[in-house]
Amino acid sequence: MTKRRTQKTRLQKSFDDLEVRQQNITWPNYVSNARSVDGYLFKGSRDAPLVQRIGAWLFGLTFILGAVGFLFVGFPDFLTRTY
């Protein structure tokens, strides 16, 4: 008789790792991940790394510049108008 393999093969470990990594894109896990990102963006974090702070500023700056661009496109004579 041959011994039964009790250890997982390298391929099986890779598949298990891939499955764990992809769990956050399914419905229940996606909601909890989105909630944590929204909480960070709205409330902030006191001990956030510099990269996260820069990313949050760029994310917010994108929306602000988009709003300003929308105003210039929607109201082209906004700056030259005299009252």
Protein backbone atom coordinates (compact mmCIF):
# COMPACT_ATOMS: atom_id res chain seq x y z
CA MET A 1 0.00 0.00 0.00
CA THR A 2 1.10 3.49 -0.65
CA LYS A 3 1.08 6.23 1.89
CA ARG A 4 -1.64 8.72 1.53
CA ARG A 5 -0.50 12.26 0.98
CA THR A 6 -1.53 14.45 3.86
CA GLN A 7 0.26 17.56 2.71
CA LYS A 8 -1.29 19.76 0.08
CA THR A 9 0.48 20.04 -3.20
CA ARG A 10 1.92 23.35 -4.29
CA LEU A 11 -0.79 23.72 -6.93
CA GLN A 12 -3.55 23.11 -4.39
CA LYS A 13 -2.01 25.72 -2.06
CA SER A 14 -1.99 28.21 -4.93
CA PHE A 15 -5.66 27.53 -5.66
CA ASP A 16 -6.56 27.93 -1.99
CA ASP A 17 -4.63 31.20 -1.81
CA LEU A 18 -6.35 32.47 -4.94
CA GLU A 19 -9.76 31.58 -3.53
CA VAL A 20 -9.05 33.48 -0.31
CA ARG A 21 -7.87 36.54 -2.23
CA GLN A 22 -10.97 36.60 -4.42
CA GLN A 23 -13.44 36.39 -1.55
CA ASN A 24 -13.60 40.16 -1.23
CA ILE A 25 -15.19 40.55 -4.68
CA THR A 26 -18.30 38.49 -3.86
CA TRP A 27 -21.41 40.13 -2.41
CA PRO A 28 -21.18 39.85 1.40
CA ASN A 29 -17.45 40.47 1.59
CA TYR A 30 -17.61 43.28 -0.97
CA VAL A 31 -20.02 45.22 1.22
CA SER A 32 -17.78 44.99 4.28
CA ASN A 33 -14.71 46.03 2.28
CA ALA A 34 -16.56 48.97 0.71
CA ARG A 35 -17.76 50.05 4.14
CA SER A 36 -14.22 50.16 5.47
CA VAL A 37 -13.01 52.23 2.50
CA ASP A 38 -15.93 54.64 2.84
CA GLY A 39 -15.25 54.95 6.55
CA TYR A 40 -11.64 55.86 5.83
CA LEU A 41 -12.56 58.43 3.17
CA PHE A 42 -15.31 60.09 5.23
CA LYS A 43 -13.89 59.86 8.74
CA GLY A 44 -10.20 59.64 8.03
CA SER A 45 -7.57 57.81 9.98
CA ARG A 46 -5.17 59.34 12.46
CA ASP A 47 -2.41 56.86 11.77
CA ALA A 48 -2.77 56.54 7.99
CA PRO A 49 0.47 56.11 6.06
CA LEU A 50 1.66 58.90 3.79
CA VAL A 51 0.68 56.95 0.67
CA GLN A 52 -2.93 56.64 1.87
CA ARG A 53 -3.08 60.33 2.73
CA ILE A 54 -1.79 61.32 -0.70
CA GLY A 55 -4.23 58.94 -2.37
CA ALA A 56 -7.17 60.36 -0.41
CA TRP A 57 -6.16 63.91 -1.36
CA LEU A 58 -5.90 62.96 -5.05
CA PHE A 59 -9.26 61.21 -4.88
CA GLY A 60 -10.91 64.31 -3.41
CA LEU A 61 -9.08 66.65 -5.77
CA THR A 62 -10.45 64.70 -8.73
CA PHE A 63 -14.02 65.41 -7.64
CA ILE A 64 -13.34 69.07 -6.90
CA LEU A 65 -11.68 69.67 -10.27
CA GLY A 66 -14.53 67.81 -11.97
CA ALA A 67 -17.06 70.11 -10.31
CA VAL A 68 -15.11 73.23 -11.29
CA GLY A 69 -14.81 71.94 -14.87
CA PHE A 70 -18.54 71.28 -14.94
CA LEU A 71 -19.21 74.86 -13.87
CA PHE A 72 -16.97 76.26 -16.61
CA VAL A 73 -18.62 74.09 -19.26
CA GLY A 74 -22.14 74.74 -17.99
CA PHE A 75 -21.68 78.47 -17.47
CA PRO A 76 -19.01 79.71 -19.90
CA ASP A 77 -19.54 83.40 -19.14
CA PHE A 78 -19.42 82.89 -15.39
CA LEU A 79 -16.14 84.75 -14.85
CA THR A 80 -16.76 87.53 -17.36
CA ARG A 81 -20.30 88.34 -16.28
CA THR A 82 -20.81 91.79 -14.73
CA TYR A 83 -23.71 92.56 -12.47
